[in-house]
PDB file of N, CA and C in Angstrom:
ATOM      1  N   MET A   1       1.108 -15.162 -40.150  1.00  0.00           N
ATOM      2  CA  MET A   1       0.341 -15.229 -38.923  1.00  0.00           C
ATOM      3  C   MET A   1      -0.202 -13.853 -38.554  1.00  0.00           C
ATOM      4  N   GLN A   2       0.627 -12.845 -38.717  1.00  0.00           N
ATOM      5  CA  GLN A   2       0.229 -11.492 -38.358  1.00  0.00           C
ATOM      6  C   GLN A   2      -0.939 -11.017 -39.217  1.00  0.00           C
ATOM      7  N   THR A   3      -0.945 -11.263 -40.530  1.00  0.00           N
ATOM      8  CA  THR A   3      -2.014 -10.781 -41.404  1.00  0.00           C
ATOM      9  C   THR A   3      -3.325 -11.479 -41.107  1.00  0.00           C
ATOM     10  N   ARG A   4      -3.257 -12.751 -40.765  1.00  0.00           N
ATOM     11  CA  ARG A   4      -4.485 -13.480 -40.449  1.00  0.00           C
ATOM     12  C   ARG A   4      -5.124 -12.938 -39.168  1.00  0.00           C
ATOM     13  N   LEU A   5      -4.313 -12.611 -38.209  1.00  0.00           N
ATOM     14  CA  LEU A   5      -4.808 -12.074 -36.951  1.00  0.00           C
ATOM     15  C   LEU A   5      -5.463 -10.714 -37.152  1.00  0.00           C
ATOM     16  N   VAL A   6      -4.901  -9.904 -38.019  1.00  0.00           N
ATOM     17  CA  VAL A   6      -5.486  -8.589 -38.318  1.00  0.00           C
ATOM     18  C   VAL A   6      -6.836  -8.771 -38.985  1.00  0.00           C
ATOM     19  N   GLY A   7      -6.969  -9.747 -39.883  1.00  0.00           N
ATOM     20  CA  GLY A   7      -8.247 -10.026 -40.546  1.00  0.00           C
ATOM     21  C   GLY A   7      -9.320 -10.457 -39.561  1.00  0.00           C
ATOM     22  N   VAL A   8      -8.921 -11.264 -38.600  1.00  0.00           N
ATOM     23  CA  VAL A   8      -9.868 -11.730 -37.577  1.00  0.00           C
ATOM     24  C   VAL A   8     -10.316 -10.563 -36.711  1.00  0.00           C
ATOM     25  N   LYS A   9      -9.393  -9.694 -36.351  1.00  0.00           N
ATOM     26  CA  LYS A   9      -9.752  -8.538 -35.527  1.00  0.00           C
ATOM     27  C   LYS A   9     -10.724  -7.617 -36.257  1.00  0.00           C
ATOM     28  N   SER A  10     -10.461  -7.367 -37.542  1.00  0.00           N
ATOM     29  CA  SER A  10     -11.363  -6.478 -38.279  1.00  0.00           C
ATOM     30  C   SER A  10     -12.729  -7.120 -38.481  1.00  0.00           C
ATOM     31  N   ALA A  11     -12.761  -8.439 -38.690  1.00  0.00           N
ATOM     32  CA  ALA A  11     -14.045  -9.128 -38.825  1.00  0.00           C
ATOM     33  C   ALA A  11     -14.817  -9.069 -37.514  1.00  0.00           C
ATOM     34  N   LEU A  12     -14.120  -9.202 -36.406  1.00  0.00           N
ATOM     35  CA  LEU A  12     -14.754  -9.135 -35.093  1.00  0.00           C
ATOM     36  C   LEU A  12     -15.313  -7.742 -34.831  1.00  0.00           C
ATOM     37  N   LEU A  13     -14.562  -6.724 -35.172  1.00  0.00           N
ATOM     38  CA  LEU A  13     -15.039  -5.349 -34.996  1.00  0.00           C
ATOM     39  C   LEU A  13     -16.252  -5.074 -35.871  1.00  0.00           C
ATOM     40  N   PHE A  14     -16.251  -5.585 -37.096  1.00  0.00           N
ATOM     41  CA  PHE A  14     -17.387  -5.407 -37.994  1.00  0.00           C
ATOM     42  C   PHE A  14     -18.618  -6.090 -37.417  1.00  0.00           C
ATOM     43  N   PHE A  15     -18.444  -7.275 -36.860  1.00  0.00           N
ATOM     44  CA  PHE A  15     -19.561  -8.024 -36.295  1.00  0.00           C
ATOM     45  C   PHE A  15     -20.153  -7.298 -35.089  1.00  0.00           C
ATOM     46  N   ILE A  16     -19.309  -6.737 -34.254  1.00  0.00           N
ATOM     47  CA  ILE A  16     -19.781  -6.041 -33.059  1.00  0.00           C
ATOM     48  C   ILE A  16     -20.498  -4.749 -33.440  1.00  0.00           C
ATOM     49  N   ALA A  17     -19.994  -4.025 -34.440  1.00  0.00           N
ATOM     50  CA  ALA A  17     -20.544  -2.726 -34.796  1.00  0.00           C
ATOM     51  C   ALA A  17     -21.773  -2.837 -35.698  1.00  0.00           C
ATOM     52  N   MET A  18     -22.054  -4.012 -36.246  1.00  0.00           N
ATOM     53  CA  MET A  18     -23.163  -4.160 -37.170  1.00  0.00           C
ATOM     54  C   MET A  18     -24.497  -4.084 -36.430  1.00  0.00           C
ATOM     55  N   SER A  19     -25.439  -3.378 -37.001  1.00  0.00           N
ATOM     56  CA  SER A  19     -26.753  -3.270 -36.362  1.00  0.00           C
ATOM     57  C   SER A  19     -27.686  -4.329 -36.947  1.00  0.00           C
ATOM     58  N   GLN A  20     -28.803  -4.532 -36.288  1.00  0.00           N
ATOM     59  CA  GLN A  20     -29.766  -5.531 -36.723  1.00  0.00           C
ATOM     60  C   GLN A  20     -31.047  -4.825 -37.163  1.00  0.00           C
ATOM     61  N   HIS A  21     -31.604  -5.268 -38.279  1.00  0.00           N
ATOM     62  CA  HIS A  21     -32.846  -4.685 -38.784  1.00  0.00           C
ATOM     63  C   HIS A  21     -33.966  -4.920 -37.777  1.00  0.00           C
ATOM     64  N   ARG A  22     -34.857  -3.967 -37.648  1.00  0.00           N
ATOM     65  CA  ARG A  22     -35.903  -4.061 -36.615  1.00  0.00           C
ATOM     66  C   ARG A  22     -36.846  -5.233 -36.847  1.00  0.00           C
ATOM     67  N   SER A  23     -37.010  -5.693 -38.084  1.00  0.00           N
ATOM     68  CA  SER A  23     -37.904  -6.818 -38.345  1.00  0.00           C
ATOM     69  C   SER A  23     -37.299  -8.139 -37.910  1.00  0.00           C
ATOM     70  N   LEU A  24     -35.995  -8.176 -37.657  1.00  0.00           N
ATOM     71  CA  LEU A  24     -35.323  -9.411 -37.277  1.00  0.00           C
ATOM     72  C   LEU A  24     -35.110  -9.539 -35.782  1.00  0.00           C
ATOM     73  N   LYS A  25     -35.540  -8.584 -35.010  1.00  0.00           N
ATOM     74  CA  LYS A  25     -35.351  -8.650 -33.562  1.00  0.00           C
ATOM     75  C   LYS A  25     -36.256  -9.719 -32.975  1.00  0.00           C
ATOM     76  N   GLY A  26     -35.991 -10.099 -31.759  1.00  0.00           N
ATOM     77  CA  GLY A  26     -36.710 -11.179 -31.094  1.00  0.00           C
ATOM     78  C   GLY A  26     -38.192 -10.904 -30.922  1.00  0.00           C
ATOM     79  N   ALA A  27     -38.944 -11.965 -30.750  1.00  0.00           N
ATOM     80  CA  ALA A  27     -40.389 -11.851 -30.600  1.00  0.00           C
ATOM     81  C   ALA A  27     -40.773 -11.140 -29.302  1.00  0.00           C
ATOM     82  N   SER A  28     -39.886 -11.139 -28.333  1.00  0.00           N
ATOM     83  CA  SER A  28     -40.200 -10.492 -27.059  1.00  0.00           C
ATOM     84  C   SER A  28     -40.278  -8.977 -27.207  1.00  0.00           C
ATOM     85  N   THR A  29     -39.657  -8.422 -28.248  1.00  0.00           N
ATOM     86  CA  THR A  29     -39.681  -6.981 -28.424  1.00  0.00           C
ATOM     87  C   THR A  29     -40.878  -6.525 -29.256  1.00  0.00           C
ATOM     88  N   ILE A  30     -41.619  -7.469 -29.822  1.00  0.00           N
ATOM     89  CA  ILE A  30     -42.780  -7.106 -30.639  1.00  0.00           C
ATOM     90  C   ILE A  30     -43.927  -6.719 -29.708  1.00  0.00           C
ATOM     91  N   THR A  31     -44.419  -5.496 -29.867  1.00  0.00           N
ATOM     92  CA  THR A  31     -45.498  -5.040 -29.000  1.00  0.00           C
ATOM     93  C   THR A  31     -46.794  -4.829 -29.772  1.00  0.00           C
ATOM     94  N   ALA A  32     -46.754  -4.909 -31.096  1.00  0.00           N
ATOM     95  CA  ALA A  32     -47.944  -4.686 -31.906  1.00  0.00           C
ATOM     96  C   ALA A  32     -48.884  -5.887 -31.797  1.00  0.00           C
ATOM     97  N   LYS A  33     -50.172  -5.623 -31.919  1.00  0.00           N
ATOM     98  CA  LYS A  33     -51.172  -6.681 -31.883  1.00  0.00           C
ATOM     99  C   LYS A  33     -51.126  -7.460 -33.187  1.00  0.00           C
ATOM    100  N   ARG A  34     -51.104  -8.781 -33.091  1.00  0.00           N
ATOM    101  CA  ARG A  34     -51.061  -9.610 -34.295  1.00  0.00           C
ATOM    102  C   ARG A  34     -52.451  -9.698 -34.906  1.00  0.00           C
ATOM    103  N   ASN A  35     -52.520  -9.697 -36.240  1.00  0.00           N
ATOM    104  CA  ASN A  35     -53.797  -9.818 -36.941  1.00  0.00           C
ATOM    105  C   ASN A  35     -54.159 -11.265 -37.236  1.00  0.00           C
ATOM    106  N   VAL A  36     -53.167 -12.122 -37.305  1.00  0.00           N
ATOM    107  CA  VAL A  36     -53.392 -13.513 -37.684  1.00  0.00           C
ATOM    108  C   VAL A  36     -53.200 -14.389 -36.457  1.00  0.00           C
ATOM    109  N   LEU A  37     -54.169 -15.257 -36.193  1.00  0.00           N
ATOM    110  CA  LEU A  37     -54.104 -16.162 -35.052  1.00  0.00           C
ATOM    111  C   LEU A  37     -53.675 -17.545 -35.503  1.00  0.00           C
ATOM    112  N   LYS A  38     -53.021 -18.261 -34.631  1.00  0.00           N
ATOM    113  CA  LYS A  38     -52.677 -19.653 -34.903  1.00  0.00           C
ATOM    114  C   LYS A  38     -53.935 -20.484 -34.719  1.00  0.00           C
ATOM    115  N   ARG A  39     -53.932 -21.712 -35.249  1.00  0.00           N
ATOM    116  CA  ARG A  39     -55.133 -22.541 -35.223  1.00  0.00           C
ATOM    117  C   ARG A  39     -55.639 -22.769 -33.806  1.00  0.00           C
ATOM    118  N   PHE A  40     -54.736 -23.089 -32.872  1.00  0.00           N
ATOM    119  CA  PHE A  40     -55.197 -23.350 -31.501  1.00  0.00           C
ATOM    120  C   PHE A  40     -55.786 -22.095 -30.871  1.00  0.00           C
ATOM    121  N   GLU A  41     -55.265 -20.921 -31.243  1.00  0.00           N
ATOM    122  CA  GLU A  41     -55.830 -19.680 -30.725  1.00  0.00           C
ATOM    123  C   GLU A  41     -57.218 -19.435 -31.305  1.00  0.00           C
ATOM    124  N   ARG A  42     -57.400 -19.767 -32.578  1.00  0.00           N
ATOM    125  CA  ARG A  42     -58.717 -19.603 -33.197  1.00  0.00           C
ATOM    126  C   ARG A  42     -59.733 -20.540 -32.576  1.00  0.00           C
ATOM    127  N   VAL A  43     -59.316 -21.786 -32.291  1.00  0.00           N
ATOM    128  CA  VAL A  43     -60.232 -22.747 -31.667  1.00  0.00           C
ATOM    129  C   VAL A  43     -60.633 -22.257 -30.279  1.00  0.00           C
ATOM    130  N   GLU A  44     -59.663 -21.767 -29.496  1.00  0.00           N
ATOM    131  CA  GLU A  44     -59.986 -21.228 -28.165  1.00  0.00           C
ATOM    132  C   GLU A  44     -60.977 -20.082 -28.253  1.00  0.00           C
ATOM    133  N   LEU A  45     -60.750 -19.172 -29.195  1.00  0.00           N
ATOM    134  CA  LEU A  45     -61.616 -18.010 -29.354  1.00  0.00           C
ATOM    135  C   LEU A  45     -63.023 -18.435 -29.785  1.00  0.00           C
ATOM    136  N   LEU A  46     -63.099 -19.371 -30.712  1.00  0.00           N
ATOM    137  CA  LEU A  46     -64.414 -19.847 -31.162  1.00  0.00           C
ATOM    138  C   LEU A  46     -65.140 -20.588 -30.046  1.00  0.00           C
ATOM    139  N   ARG A  47     -64.397 -21.319 -29.208  1.00  0.00           N
ATOM    140  CA  ARG A  47     -65.025 -21.997 -28.061  1.00  0.00           C
ATOM    141  C   ARG A  47     -65.615 -20.984 -27.095  1.00  0.00           C
ATOM    142  N   LYS A  48     -64.849 -19.902 -26.823  1.00  0.00           N
ATOM    143  CA  LYS A  48     -65.359 -18.867 -25.915  1.00  0.00           C
ATOM    144  C   LYS A  48     -66.625 -18.228 -26.472  1.00  0.00           C
ATOM    145  N   ARG A  49     -66.679 -18.079 -27.798  1.00  0.00           N
ATOM    146  CA  ARG A  49     -67.842 -17.468 -28.437  1.00  0.00           C
ATOM    147  C   ARG A  49     -68.985 -18.466 -28.629  1.00  0.00           C
ATOM    148  N   GLY A  50     -68.729 -19.745 -28.359  1.00  0.00           N
ATOM    149  CA  GLY A  50     -69.762 -20.761 -28.519  1.00  0.00           C
ATOM    150  C   GLY A  50     -69.963 -21.197 -29.959  1.00  0.00           C
ATOM    151  N   GLN A  51     -68.970 -20.962 -30.817  1.00  0.00           N
ATOM    152  CA  GLN A  51     -69.089 -21.315 -32.229  1.00  0.00           C
ATOM    153  C   GLN A  51     -68.295 -22.566 -32.582  1.00  0.00           C
ATOM    154  N   PHE A  52     -67.682 -23.214 -31.606  1.00  0.00           N
ATOM    155  CA  PHE A  52     -66.915 -24.433 -31.832  1.00  0.00           C
ATOM    156  C   PHE A  52     -67.230 -25.402 -30.712  1.00  0.00           C
ATOM    157  N   LYS A  53     -67.562 -26.631 -31.078  1.00  0.00           N
ATOM    158  CA  LYS A  53     -67.905 -27.657 -30.094  1.00  0.00           C
ATOM    159  C   LYS A  53     -66.915 -28.803 -30.208  1.00  0.00           C
ATOM    160  N   ASP A  54     -66.754 -29.572 -29.141  1.00  0.00           N
ATOM    161  CA  ASP A  54     -65.885 -30.746 -29.195  1.00  0.00           C
ATOM    162  C   ASP A  54     -66.387 -31.686 -30.285  1.00  0.00           C
ATOM    163  N   GLY A  55     -65.459 -32.186 -31.074  1.00  0.00           N
ATOM    164  CA  GLY A  55     -65.812 -33.076 -32.169  1.00  0.00           C
ATOM    165  C   GLY A  55     -65.872 -32.368 -33.515  1.00  0.00           C
ATOM    166  N   ASP A  56     -65.916 -31.038 -33.528  1.00  0.00           N
ATOM    167  CA  ASP A  56     -65.884 -30.297 -34.794  1.00  0.00           C
ATOM    168  C   ASP A  56     -64.507 -30.420 -35.419  1.00  0.00           C
ATOM    169  N   LYS A  57     -64.455 -30.291 -36.742  1.00  0.00           N
ATOM    170  CA  LYS A  57     -63.180 -30.364 -37.445  1.00  0.00           C
ATOM    171  C   LYS A  57     -62.384 -29.084 -37.210  1.00  0.00           C
ATOM    172  N   VAL A  58     -61.064 -29.248 -37.098  1.00  0.00           N
ATOM    173  CA  VAL A  58     -60.209 -28.088 -36.883  1.00  0.00           C
ATOM    174  C   VAL A  58     -59.677 -27.537 -38.202  1.00  0.00           C
ATOM    175  N   THR A  59     -59.968 -28.198 -39.300  1.00  0.00           N
ATOM    176  CA  THR A  59     -59.588 -27.667 -40.607  1.00  0.00           C
ATOM    177  C   THR A  59     -60.795 -26.951 -41.187  1.00  0.00           C
ATOM    178  N   GLY A  60     -60.553 -25.924 -41.949  1.00  0.00           N
ATOM    179  CA  GLY A  60     -61.637 -25.166 -42.547  1.00  0.00           C
ATOM    180  C   GLY A  60     -62.383 -24.310 -41.540  1.00  0.00           C
ATOM    181  N   LEU A  61     -61.671 -23.796 -40.550  1.00  0.00           N
ATOM    182  CA  LEU A  61     -62.308 -22.938 -39.542  1.00  0.00           C
ATOM    183  C   LEU A  61     -62.744 -21.619 -40.162  1.00  0.00           C
ATOM    184  N   ARG A  62     -63.764 -21.030 -39.586  1.00  0.00           N
ATOM    185  CA  ARG A  62     -64.219 -19.734 -40.076  1.00  0.00           C
ATOM    186  C   ARG A  62     -63.204 -18.660 -39.706  1.00  0.00           C
ATOM    187  N   LYS A  63     -63.267 -17.558 -40.414  1.00  0.00           N
ATOM    188  CA  LYS A  63     -62.370 -16.437 -40.130  1.00  0.00           C
ATOM    189  C   LYS A  63     -62.720 -15.858 -38.774  1.00  0.00           C
ATOM    190  N   THR A  64     -61.693 -15.521 -38.019  1.00  0.00           N
ATOM    191  CA  THR A  64     -61.895 -14.935 -36.693  1.00  0.00           C
ATOM    192  C   THR A  64     -60.961 -13.749 -36.532  1.00  0.00           C
ATOM    193  N   LYS A  65     -61.497 -12.683 -35.995  1.00  0.00           N
ATOM    194  CA  LYS A  65     -60.678 -11.525 -35.670  1.00  0.00           C
ATOM    195  C   LYS A  65     -60.334 -11.609 -34.184  1.00  0.00           C
ATOM    196  N   PRO A  66     -59.105 -11.273 -33.831  1.00  0.00           N
ATOM    197  CA  PRO A  66     -58.733 -11.314 -32.420  1.00  0.00           C
ATOM    198  C   PRO A  66     -59.543 -10.304 -31.611  1.00  0.00           C
ATOM    199  N   ASP A  67     -59.766 -10.633 -30.344  1.00  0.00           N
ATOM    200  CA  ASP A  67     -60.463  -9.704 -29.467  1.00  0.00           C
ATOM    201  C   ASP A  67     -59.632  -8.451 -29.289  1.00  0.00           C
ATOM    202  N   ALA A  68     -60.282  -7.339 -29.207  1.00  0.00           N
ATOM    203  CA  ALA A  68     -59.567  -6.061 -29.056  1.00  0.00           C
ATOM    204  C   ALA A  68     -59.078  -5.840 -27.656  1.00  0.00           C
TER     205      ALA A  68
END
């Protein structure tokens, strides 16, 4: 019983002290501008630019760069 408890304590300490790689942190901490837009974002952007009308297909959309 004593050895198992020591193993659990050391595993717990390792878990607490372990750091997380910056690429795995939550999306809320990402502050960089994304280069790739999701489909609904591309449709919204094309609508604002007047390049997408209701009834157009949402597949095969033209390339769009996000607004700066």
